[in-house]
Amino acid sequence: MKDESVILVDEHDKELGIMEKQEAHLKGLLHRAFSVLIFNNNEQLLLQQRSKNKYHSAGLWTNTCCSHPRPGEAVIEAAHRRLKEEMGFDCKLIFKQKFIYKTAFENGLTEHELDYVYTGIYNKVPLFNTNEVAAYKWMEIDDVMKDLVLHPTCYTAWFKIIMNKLSSYNN
């Protein structure tokens, strides 16, 4: 997380400035982020288990890829960059929607993000970055929804929100 900055925004996505990522999370300031959901031709969702080394939500299951755009970087460009860095592939991405959420973590950090959601299709085996991702799996949406109810503490806060909005994505 060192030397990374995020783009601070207001609730209308107007840029307010740049701040070091750790400081923005300590202060709980609203900033741009993105989440990518990759499906295969069998309509299964590619989930990743976050690395145990992550600064929050370590070891939890989540969407295929997520992060923050860098200053001066378009959100879609950042989504492609991080998909390659985290999962080892790239594909066409389609913007679906954006939403704001705020979640405090036990370590004193707060995610307060304006999260852009993108979907894509990929059918090969990902070559994930073990510094970012502990594991991956393809799951049927119905199975994900059931598991979210049975084991909610196994998933990231933003992923639960995204899954509740999934019907509006019409992949």
N, C-alpha and C. Protein backbone atom coordinates (compact mmCIF):
# COMPACT_ATOMS: atom_id res chain seq x y z
N MET A 1 0.82 -1.19 0.00
CA MET A 1 0.00 0.00 0.00
C MET A 1 0.87 1.26 0.00
N LYS A 2 2.16 1.13 0.19
CA LYS A 2 3.04 2.29 0.22
C LYS A 2 3.07 2.99 -1.13
N ASP A 3 3.19 4.32 -1.07
CA ASP A 3 3.35 5.15 -2.27
C ASP A 3 2.20 5.04 -3.26
N GLU A 4 1.05 4.61 -2.82
CA GLU A 4 -0.13 4.57 -3.68
C GLU A 4 -1.05 5.70 -3.25
N SER A 5 -1.64 6.37 -4.20
CA SER A 5 -2.58 7.44 -3.91
C SER A 5 -3.94 7.09 -4.48
N VAL A 6 -4.98 7.66 -3.88
CA VAL A 6 -6.34 7.49 -4.39
C VAL A 6 -6.89 8.85 -4.77
N ILE A 7 -7.96 8.82 -5.57
CA ILE A 7 -8.61 10.05 -6.03
C ILE A 7 -9.80 10.31 -5.13
N LEU A 8 -9.75 11.38 -4.36
CA LEU A 8 -10.86 11.75 -3.51
C LEU A 8 -11.96 12.38 -4.37
N VAL A 9 -13.20 12.02 -4.07
CA VAL A 9 -14.34 12.53 -4.83
C VAL A 9 -15.48 12.89 -3.88
N ASP A 10 -16.44 13.66 -4.40
CA ASP A 10 -17.68 13.88 -3.64
C ASP A 10 -18.70 12.84 -4.10
N GLU A 11 -19.92 12.89 -3.55
CA GLU A 11 -20.94 11.90 -3.86
C GLU A 11 -21.43 11.97 -5.31
N HIS A 12 -21.04 13.03 -6.04
CA HIS A 12 -21.39 13.16 -7.45
C HIS A 12 -20.21 12.81 -8.36
N ASP A 13 -19.16 12.25 -7.78
CA ASP A 13 -17.96 11.82 -8.49
C ASP A 13 -17.10 12.98 -8.99
N LYS A 14 -17.26 14.15 -8.39
CA LYS A 14 -16.41 15.29 -8.72
C LYS A 14 -15.09 15.13 -7.95
N GLU A 15 -13.99 15.24 -8.68
CA GLU A 15 -12.68 15.09 -8.05
C GLU A 15 -12.40 16.22 -7.07
N LEU A 16 -11.95 15.85 -5.88
CA LEU A 16 -11.63 16.83 -4.83
C LEU A 16 -10.15 16.92 -4.54
N GLY A 17 -9.39 15.91 -4.99
CA GLY A 17 -7.96 15.92 -4.73
C GLY A 17 -7.40 14.51 -4.70
N ILE A 18 -6.15 14.42 -4.28
CA ILE A 18 -5.41 13.17 -4.23
C ILE A 18 -4.93 12.99 -2.79
N MET A 19 -4.93 11.74 -2.32
CA MET A 19 -4.42 11.46 -0.98
C MET A 19 -3.75 10.09 -0.98
N GLU A 20 -2.74 9.95 -0.18
CA GLU A 20 -2.08 8.66 0.00
C GLU A 20 -3.13 7.66 0.49
N LYS A 21 -3.11 6.47 -0.06
CA LYS A 21 -4.16 5.48 0.18
C LYS A 21 -4.36 5.16 1.66
N GLN A 22 -3.29 4.93 2.38
CA GLN A 22 -3.39 4.60 3.81
C GLN A 22 -4.09 5.73 4.57
N GLU A 23 -3.71 6.96 4.29
CA GLU A 23 -4.32 8.12 4.98
C GLU A 23 -5.81 8.23 4.66
N ALA A 24 -6.17 8.04 3.39
CA ALA A 24 -7.59 8.10 3.00
C ALA A 24 -8.40 7.03 3.72
N HIS A 25 -7.82 5.84 3.89
CA HIS A 25 -8.53 4.76 4.58
C HIS A 25 -8.57 5.00 6.09
N LEU A 26 -7.55 5.62 6.64
CA LEU A 26 -7.58 5.96 8.07
C LEU A 26 -8.63 7.02 8.36
N LYS A 27 -8.77 7.98 7.45
CA LYS A 27 -9.74 9.06 7.63
C LYS A 27 -11.14 8.72 7.12
N GLY A 28 -11.25 7.62 6.39
CA GLY A 28 -12.55 7.21 5.86
C GLY A 28 -13.11 8.15 4.81
N LEU A 29 -12.22 8.73 3.99
CA LEU A 29 -12.65 9.70 2.98
C LEU A 29 -13.12 9.00 1.70
N LEU A 30 -14.14 9.56 1.09
CA LEU A 30 -14.71 8.99 -0.13
C LEU A 30 -13.71 9.10 -1.28
N HIS A 31 -13.48 7.97 -1.95
CA HIS A 31 -12.54 7.92 -3.07
C HIS A 31 -13.03 6.94 -4.12
N ARG A 32 -12.48 7.07 -5.34
CA ARG A 32 -12.86 6.21 -6.45
C ARG A 32 -12.26 4.82 -6.29
N ALA A 33 -13.06 3.85 -6.71
CA ALA A 33 -12.62 2.46 -6.72
C ALA A 33 -13.35 1.75 -7.86
N PHE A 34 -13.00 0.50 -8.07
CA PHE A 34 -13.71 -0.29 -9.06
C PHE A 34 -13.73 -1.75 -8.63
N SER A 35 -14.72 -2.46 -9.13
CA SER A 35 -14.85 -3.90 -8.92
C SER A 35 -15.17 -4.54 -10.26
N VAL A 36 -14.48 -5.65 -10.54
CA VAL A 36 -14.66 -6.37 -11.80
C VAL A 36 -15.24 -7.75 -11.49
N LEU A 37 -16.27 -8.12 -12.24
CA LEU A 37 -16.88 -9.44 -12.13
C LEU A 37 -16.72 -10.13 -13.48
N ILE A 38 -15.98 -11.23 -13.49
CA ILE A 38 -15.76 -11.98 -14.72
C ILE A 38 -16.58 -13.26 -14.68
N PHE A 39 -17.31 -13.49 -15.77
CA PHE A 39 -18.11 -14.69 -15.92
C PHE A 39 -17.53 -15.54 -17.03
N ASN A 40 -17.85 -16.83 -17.03
CA ASN A 40 -17.48 -17.69 -18.15
C ASN A 40 -18.74 -17.98 -18.98
N ASN A 41 -18.59 -18.75 -20.04
CA ASN A 41 -19.72 -19.05 -20.91
C ASN A 41 -20.77 -19.92 -20.23
N ASN A 42 -20.43 -20.52 -19.09
CA ASN A 42 -21.38 -21.31 -18.31
C ASN A 42 -22.10 -20.45 -17.27
N GLU A 43 -21.91 -19.13 -17.38
CA GLU A 43 -22.52 -18.15 -16.47
C GLU A 43 -22.06 -18.32 -15.03
N GLN A 44 -20.85 -18.84 -14.84
CA GLN A 44 -20.24 -18.93 -13.53
C GLN A 44 -19.41 -17.68 -13.29
N LEU A 45 -19.35 -17.25 -12.04
CA LEU A 45 -18.59 -16.07 -11.64
C LEU A 45 -17.23 -16.50 -11.12
N LEU A 46 -16.19 -15.79 -11.54
CA LEU A 46 -14.83 -16.05 -11.07
C LEU A 46 -14.60 -15.25 -9.79
N LEU A 47 -14.43 -15.96 -8.68
CA LEU A 47 -14.16 -15.33 -7.39
C LEU A 47 -12.69 -15.49 -7.05
N GLN A 48 -12.17 -14.52 -6.33
CA GLN A 48 -10.81 -14.64 -5.81
C GLN A 48 -10.85 -14.59 -4.28
N GLN A 49 -9.92 -15.32 -3.69
CA GLN A 49 -9.70 -15.22 -2.25
C GLN A 49 -8.53 -14.27 -2.07
N ARG A 50 -8.78 -13.19 -1.32
CA ARG A 50 -7.74 -12.18 -1.13
C ARG A 50 -6.55 -12.78 -0.38
N SER A 51 -5.38 -12.34 -0.76
CA SER A 51 -4.15 -12.78 -0.11
C SER A 51 -4.21 -12.52 1.39
N LYS A 52 -3.54 -13.35 2.14
CA LYS A 52 -3.45 -13.18 3.61
C LYS A 52 -2.66 -11.93 3.96
N ASN A 53 -1.94 -11.35 2.98
CA ASN A 53 -1.11 -10.17 3.21
C ASN A 53 -1.84 -8.86 2.98
N LYS A 54 -3.11 -8.90 2.60
CA LYS A 54 -3.87 -7.67 2.32
C LYS A 54 -4.05 -6.85 3.61
N TYR A 55 -4.12 -5.54 3.47
CA TYR A 55 -4.21 -4.65 4.62
C TYR A 55 -5.57 -4.67 5.30
N HIS A 56 -6.58 -5.16 4.62
CA HIS A 56 -7.88 -5.46 5.25
C HIS A 56 -8.57 -6.55 4.43
N SER A 57 -9.52 -7.21 5.03
CA SER A 57 -10.28 -8.28 4.38
C SER A 57 -9.38 -9.40 3.86
N ALA A 58 -8.24 -9.61 4.50
CA ALA A 58 -7.31 -10.65 4.08
C ALA A 58 -7.96 -12.02 4.20
N GLY A 59 -7.76 -12.85 3.19
CA GLY A 59 -8.27 -14.21 3.20
C GLY A 59 -9.75 -14.35 2.87
N LEU A 60 -10.45 -13.24 2.66
CA LEU A 60 -11.87 -13.31 2.33
C LEU A 60 -12.08 -13.50 0.84
N TRP A 61 -13.21 -14.10 0.48
CA TRP A 61 -13.59 -14.27 -0.91
C TRP A 61 -14.26 -13.00 -1.41
N THR A 62 -14.05 -12.69 -2.68
CA THR A 62 -14.60 -11.47 -3.26
C THR A 62 -14.73 -11.62 -4.77
N ASN A 63 -15.12 -10.52 -5.42
CA ASN A 63 -15.25 -10.50 -6.87
C ASN A 63 -13.88 -10.72 -7.52
N THR A 64 -13.88 -10.87 -8.81
CA THR A 64 -12.69 -11.26 -9.56
C THR A 64 -11.50 -10.34 -9.32
N CYS A 65 -11.76 -9.03 -9.26
CA CYS A 65 -10.68 -8.06 -9.14
C CYS A 65 -11.26 -6.76 -8.61
N CYS A 66 -10.50 -6.05 -7.79
CA CYS A 66 -10.93 -4.73 -7.32
C CYS A 66 -9.71 -3.92 -6.91
N SER A 67 -9.84 -2.60 -7.02
CA SER A 67 -8.75 -1.73 -6.64
C SER A 67 -9.19 -0.28 -6.80
N HIS A 68 -8.19 0.60 -6.97
CA HIS A 68 -8.41 2.04 -7.13
C HIS A 68 -7.67 2.54 -8.36
N PRO A 69 -8.28 3.45 -9.12
CA PRO A 69 -7.51 4.08 -10.20
C PRO A 69 -6.46 5.00 -9.62
N ARG A 70 -5.38 5.14 -10.33
CA ARG A 70 -4.32 6.06 -9.93
C ARG A 70 -4.67 7.47 -10.40
N PRO A 71 -4.09 8.48 -9.79
CA PRO A 71 -4.32 9.85 -10.27
C PRO A 71 -3.98 9.95 -11.76
N GLY A 72 -4.90 10.54 -12.53
CA GLY A 72 -4.71 10.69 -13.97
C GLY A 72 -5.06 9.47 -14.79
N GLU A 73 -5.47 8.39 -14.14
CA GLU A 73 -5.80 7.14 -14.84
C GLU A 73 -7.32 6.99 -14.89
N ALA A 74 -7.85 6.70 -16.07
CA ALA A 74 -9.28 6.45 -16.20
C ALA A 74 -9.64 5.17 -15.45
N VAL A 75 -10.85 5.11 -14.92
CA VAL A 75 -11.26 3.95 -14.14
C VAL A 75 -11.19 2.67 -14.98
N ILE A 76 -11.66 2.72 -16.22
CA ILE A 76 -11.63 1.54 -17.07
C ILE A 76 -10.20 1.08 -17.34
N GLU A 77 -9.27 2.02 -17.51
CA GLU A 77 -7.87 1.66 -17.70
C GLU A 77 -7.32 0.96 -16.46
N ALA A 78 -7.68 1.48 -15.30
CA ALA A 78 -7.24 0.88 -14.04
C ALA A 78 -7.81 -0.53 -13.88
N ALA A 79 -9.06 -0.71 -14.28
CA ALA A 79 -9.69 -2.03 -14.18
C ALA A 79 -8.93 -3.05 -15.05
N HIS A 80 -8.59 -2.66 -16.26
CA HIS A 80 -7.81 -3.56 -17.13
C HIS A 80 -6.43 -3.82 -16.53
N ARG A 81 -5.78 -2.78 -16.05
CA ARG A 81 -4.43 -2.93 -15.45
C ARG A 81 -4.45 -3.92 -14.30
N ARG A 82 -5.40 -3.73 -13.37
CA ARG A 82 -5.43 -4.58 -12.18
C ARG A 82 -5.90 -5.99 -12.49
N LEU A 83 -6.78 -6.15 -13.47
CA LEU A 83 -7.19 -7.49 -13.86
C LEU A 83 -5.97 -8.29 -14.33
N LYS A 84 -5.10 -7.65 -15.10
CA LYS A 84 -3.86 -8.30 -15.55
C LYS A 84 -2.92 -8.55 -14.38
N GLU A 85 -2.77 -7.54 -13.50
CA GLU A 85 -1.84 -7.67 -12.36
C GLU A 85 -2.30 -8.72 -11.35
N GLU A 86 -3.59 -8.79 -11.09
CA GLU A 86 -4.09 -9.71 -10.07
C GLU A 86 -4.37 -11.10 -10.62
N MET A 87 -5.05 -11.17 -11.78
CA MET A 87 -5.54 -12.46 -12.28
C MET A 87 -4.79 -12.98 -13.51
N GLY A 88 -3.90 -12.17 -14.08
CA GLY A 88 -3.05 -12.64 -15.16
C GLY A 88 -3.71 -12.67 -16.53
N PHE A 89 -4.82 -11.97 -16.71
CA PHE A 89 -5.46 -11.92 -18.02
C PHE A 89 -6.20 -10.60 -18.17
N ASP A 90 -6.65 -10.35 -19.38
CA ASP A 90 -7.47 -9.18 -19.66
C ASP A 90 -8.57 -9.61 -20.62
N CYS A 91 -9.65 -8.86 -20.64
CA CYS A 91 -10.76 -9.14 -21.55
C CYS A 91 -11.58 -7.86 -21.68
N LYS A 92 -12.53 -7.88 -22.59
CA LYS A 92 -13.42 -6.74 -22.75
C LYS A 92 -14.22 -6.55 -21.46
N LEU A 93 -14.31 -5.30 -21.01
CA LEU A 93 -15.07 -4.98 -19.79
C LEU A 93 -16.21 -4.02 -20.15
N ILE A 94 -17.33 -4.24 -19.53
CA ILE A 94 -18.51 -3.41 -19.75
C ILE A 94 -18.91 -2.76 -18.42
N PHE A 95 -19.04 -1.44 -18.43
CA PHE A 95 -19.48 -0.71 -17.24
C PHE A 95 -20.95 -1.04 -16.97
N LYS A 96 -21.26 -1.30 -15.69
CA LYS A 96 -22.64 -1.63 -15.32
C LYS A 96 -23.28 -0.56 -14.45
N GLN A 97 -22.58 -0.11 -13.43
CA GLN A 97 -23.11 0.94 -12.57
C GLN A 97 -22.05 1.35 -11.56
N LYS A 98 -22.36 2.37 -10.79
CA LYS A 98 -21.49 2.75 -9.68
C LYS A 98 -22.37 2.99 -8.46
N PHE A 99 -21.77 2.80 -7.30
CA PHE A 99 -22.49 3.00 -6.04
C PHE A 99 -21.50 3.41 -4.96
N ILE A 100 -22.02 3.96 -3.90
CA ILE A 100 -21.19 4.40 -2.77
C ILE A 100 -21.45 3.48 -1.58
N TYR A 101 -20.40 3.09 -0.91
CA TYR A 101 -20.55 2.34 0.34
C TYR A 101 -19.47 2.78 1.32
N LYS A 102 -19.72 2.48 2.59
CA LYS A 102 -18.76 2.81 3.65
C LYS A 102 -18.76 1.68 4.66
N THR A 103 -17.56 1.13 4.91
CA THR A 103 -17.41 0.02 5.84
C THR A 103 -16.16 0.24 6.68
N ALA A 104 -16.33 0.15 8.00
CA ALA A 104 -15.19 0.26 8.93
C ALA A 104 -14.68 -1.15 9.25
N PHE A 105 -13.36 -1.26 9.40
CA PHE A 105 -12.73 -2.53 9.71
C PHE A 105 -12.13 -2.49 11.11
N GLU A 106 -11.90 -3.68 11.67
CA GLU A 106 -11.36 -3.79 13.03
C GLU A 106 -9.99 -3.16 13.18
N ASN A 107 -9.23 -3.05 12.10
CA ASN A 107 -7.87 -2.50 12.19
C ASN A 107 -7.84 -0.97 12.13
N GLY A 108 -9.01 -0.33 12.19
CA GLY A 108 -9.08 1.13 12.20
C GLY A 108 -9.21 1.77 10.83
N LEU A 109 -9.15 0.98 9.78
CA LEU A 109 -9.30 1.51 8.43
C LEU A 109 -10.77 1.51 8.03
N THR A 110 -11.14 2.41 7.13
CA THR A 110 -12.50 2.49 6.62
C THR A 110 -12.45 2.59 5.10
N GLU A 111 -13.21 1.70 4.46
CA GLU A 111 -13.40 1.81 3.01
C GLU A 111 -14.62 2.69 2.80
N HIS A 112 -14.44 3.80 2.13
CA HIS A 112 -15.54 4.70 1.77
C HIS A 112 -15.33 4.98 0.30
N GLU A 113 -16.04 4.23 -0.52
CA GLU A 113 -15.72 4.22 -1.93
C GLU A 113 -16.92 4.51 -2.82
N LEU A 114 -16.62 5.18 -3.91
CA LEU A 114 -17.53 5.28 -5.04
C LEU A 114 -17.02 4.20 -6.00
N ASP A 115 -17.72 3.07 -6.01
CA ASP A 115 -17.26 1.86 -6.67
C ASP A 115 -17.90 1.70 -8.05
N TYR A 116 -17.07 1.71 -9.09
CA TYR A 116 -17.51 1.43 -10.45
C TYR A 116 -17.51 -0.09 -10.63
N VAL A 117 -18.58 -0.63 -11.19
CA VAL A 117 -18.68 -2.08 -11.39
C VAL A 117 -18.63 -2.38 -12.88
N TYR A 118 -17.73 -3.32 -13.24
CA TYR A 118 -17.57 -3.77 -14.62
C TYR A 118 -17.75 -5.28 -14.67
N THR A 119 -18.26 -5.77 -15.81
CA THR A 119 -18.33 -7.21 -16.03
C THR A 119 -17.60 -7.55 -17.32
N GLY A 120 -17.23 -8.81 -17.42
CA GLY A 120 -16.57 -9.31 -18.61
C GLY A 120 -16.73 -10.81 -18.71
N ILE A 121 -16.26 -11.37 -19.81
CA ILE A 121 -16.34 -12.82 -20.03
C ILE A 121 -14.93 -13.34 -20.33
N TYR A 122 -14.59 -14.46 -19.69
CA TYR A 122 -13.29 -15.10 -19.87
C TYR A 122 -13.49 -16.58 -19.61
N ASN A 123 -12.85 -17.44 -20.40
CA ASN A 123 -13.10 -18.87 -20.30
C ASN A 123 -11.85 -19.71 -20.07
N LYS A 124 -10.74 -19.09 -19.78
CA LYS A 124 -9.51 -19.85 -19.58
C LYS A 124 -9.15 -19.89 -18.09
N VAL A 125 -8.07 -20.56 -17.80
CA VAL A 125 -7.59 -20.66 -16.42
C VAL A 125 -6.78 -19.40 -16.10
N PRO A 126 -7.14 -18.67 -15.04
CA PRO A 126 -6.36 -17.48 -14.69
C PRO A 126 -5.00 -17.86 -14.12
N LEU A 127 -4.01 -17.04 -14.39
CA LEU A 127 -2.66 -17.22 -13.84
C LEU A 127 -2.45 -16.11 -12.81
N PHE A 128 -3.09 -16.29 -11.65
CA PHE A 128 -3.16 -15.22 -10.66
C PHE A 128 -1.82 -14.95 -9.97
N ASN A 129 -1.71 -13.73 -9.48
CA ASN A 129 -0.54 -13.23 -8.77
C ASN A 129 -0.68 -13.65 -7.30
N THR A 130 0.21 -14.50 -6.83
CA THR A 130 0.11 -15.02 -5.46
C THR A 130 0.37 -13.96 -4.39
N ASN A 131 0.91 -12.81 -4.76
CA ASN A 131 1.04 -11.72 -3.80
C ASN A 131 -0.29 -11.01 -3.56
N GLU A 132 -1.20 -11.16 -4.51
CA GLU A 132 -2.51 -10.50 -4.45
C GLU A 132 -3.65 -11.46 -4.14
N VAL A 133 -3.53 -12.68 -4.62
CA VAL A 133 -4.63 -13.64 -4.60
C VAL A 133 -4.15 -14.96 -3.99
N ALA A 134 -4.92 -15.48 -3.02
CA ALA A 134 -4.57 -16.76 -2.41
C ALA A 134 -5.11 -17.94 -3.21
N ALA A 135 -6.30 -17.76 -3.79
CA ALA A 135 -6.94 -18.84 -4.54
C ALA A 135 -8.05 -18.23 -5.41
N TYR A 136 -8.59 -19.07 -6.29
CA TYR A 136 -9.74 -18.63 -7.10
C TYR A 136 -10.68 -19.81 -7.27
N LYS A 137 -11.92 -19.51 -7.64
CA LYS A 137 -12.88 -20.56 -7.98
C LYS A 137 -13.98 -19.96 -8.84
N TRP A 138 -14.56 -20.80 -9.69
CA TRP A 138 -15.72 -20.44 -10.48
C TRP A 138 -16.95 -20.95 -9.74
N MET A 139 -17.97 -20.12 -9.59
CA MET A 139 -19.18 -20.54 -8.89
C MET A 139 -20.43 -20.10 -9.63
N GLU A 140 -21.44 -20.94 -9.58
CA GLU A 140 -22.76 -20.57 -10.08
C GLU A 140 -23.30 -19.43 -9.21
N ILE A 141 -24.00 -18.50 -9.79
CA ILE A 141 -24.53 -17.35 -9.04
C ILE A 141 -25.45 -17.81 -7.91
N ASP A 142 -26.31 -18.79 -8.17
CA ASP A 142 -27.20 -19.28 -7.12
C ASP A 142 -26.41 -19.84 -5.94
N ASP A 143 -25.30 -20.52 -6.23
CA ASP A 143 -24.47 -21.07 -5.16
C ASP A 143 -23.77 -19.96 -4.37
N VAL A 144 -23.35 -18.92 -5.07
CA VAL A 144 -22.74 -17.77 -4.38
C VAL A 144 -23.76 -17.14 -3.44
N MET A 145 -24.96 -16.92 -3.95
CA MET A 145 -26.00 -16.28 -3.14
C MET A 145 -26.33 -17.12 -1.90
N LYS A 146 -26.41 -18.41 -2.04
CA LYS A 146 -26.67 -19.30 -0.91
C LYS A 146 -25.53 -19.25 0.10
N ASP A 147 -24.29 -19.27 -0.41
CA ASP A 147 -23.14 -19.27 0.47
C ASP A 147 -22.99 -17.94 1.21
N LEU A 148 -23.38 -16.84 0.57
CA LEU A 148 -23.36 -15.54 1.23
C LEU A 148 -24.27 -15.53 2.46
N VAL A 149 -25.39 -16.23 2.36
CA VAL A 149 -26.32 -16.32 3.50
C VAL A 149 -25.75 -17.24 4.58
N LEU A 150 -25.20 -18.38 4.16
CA LEU A 150 -24.68 -19.36 5.12
C LEU A 150 -23.37 -18.94 5.77
N HIS A 151 -22.51 -18.26 5.02
CA HIS A 151 -21.16 -17.91 5.50
C HIS A 151 -20.81 -16.45 5.18
N PRO A 152 -21.59 -15.50 5.66
CA PRO A 152 -21.34 -14.09 5.28
C PRO A 152 -19.97 -13.56 5.70
N THR A 153 -19.39 -14.10 6.75
CA THR A 153 -18.09 -13.61 7.21
C THR A 153 -16.94 -14.08 6.33
N CYS A 154 -17.23 -14.93 5.36
CA CYS A 154 -16.18 -15.41 4.44
C CYS A 154 -16.01 -14.50 3.22
N TYR A 155 -16.84 -13.44 3.13
CA TYR A 155 -16.86 -12.57 1.95
C TYR A 155 -16.62 -11.11 2.33
N THR A 156 -16.08 -10.35 1.38
CA THR A 156 -15.83 -8.93 1.62
C THR A 156 -17.14 -8.15 1.66
N ALA A 157 -17.09 -7.01 2.35
CA ALA A 157 -18.27 -6.16 2.50
C ALA A 157 -18.79 -5.68 1.15
N TRP A 158 -17.90 -5.21 0.27
CA TRP A 158 -18.34 -4.68 -1.02
C TRP A 158 -18.90 -5.77 -1.93
N PHE A 159 -18.37 -6.98 -1.82
CA PHE A 159 -18.87 -8.07 -2.65
C PHE A 159 -20.32 -8.40 -2.29
N LYS A 160 -20.64 -8.37 -1.02
CA LYS A 160 -22.03 -8.62 -0.59
C LYS A 160 -22.97 -7.58 -1.20
N ILE A 161 -22.54 -6.33 -1.22
CA ILE A 161 -23.35 -5.26 -1.81
C ILE A 161 -23.52 -5.49 -3.31
N ILE A 162 -22.42 -5.80 -3.97
CA ILE A 162 -22.45 -6.04 -5.42
C ILE A 162 -23.39 -7.19 -5.75
N MET A 163 -23.32 -8.26 -4.99
CA MET A 163 -24.17 -9.41 -5.26
C MET A 163 -25.65 -9.08 -5.06
N ASN A 164 -25.95 -8.21 -4.12
CA ASN A 164 -27.34 -7.79 -3.93
C ASN A 164 -27.83 -6.95 -5.11
N LYS A 165 -26.92 -6.34 -5.84
CA LYS A 165 -27.26 -5.52 -7.00
C LYS A 165 -27.14 -6.30 -8.32
N LEU A 166 -26.71 -7.53 -8.25
CA LEU A 166 -26.35 -8.30 -9.44
C LEU A 166 -27.45 -8.37 -10.48
N SER A 167 -28.69 -8.45 -10.09
CA SER A 167 -29.77 -8.59 -11.07
C SER A 167 -29.81 -7.40 -12.04
N SER A 168 -29.29 -6.26 -11.61
CA SER A 168 -29.29 -5.08 -12.48
C SER A 168 -28.14 -5.09 -13.49
N TYR A 169 -27.23 -6.05 -13.38
CA TYR A 169 -26.06 -6.09 -14.27
C TYR A 169 -26.35 -6.79 -15.59
N ASN A 170 -27.34 -7.66 -15.59
CA ASN A 170 -27.77 -8.37 -16.81
C ASN A 170 -26.60 -8.82 -17.69
N ASN A 171 -25.72 -9.59 -17.13
CA ASN A 171 -24.59 -10.09 -17.90
C ASN A 171 -25.10 -10.92 -19.03
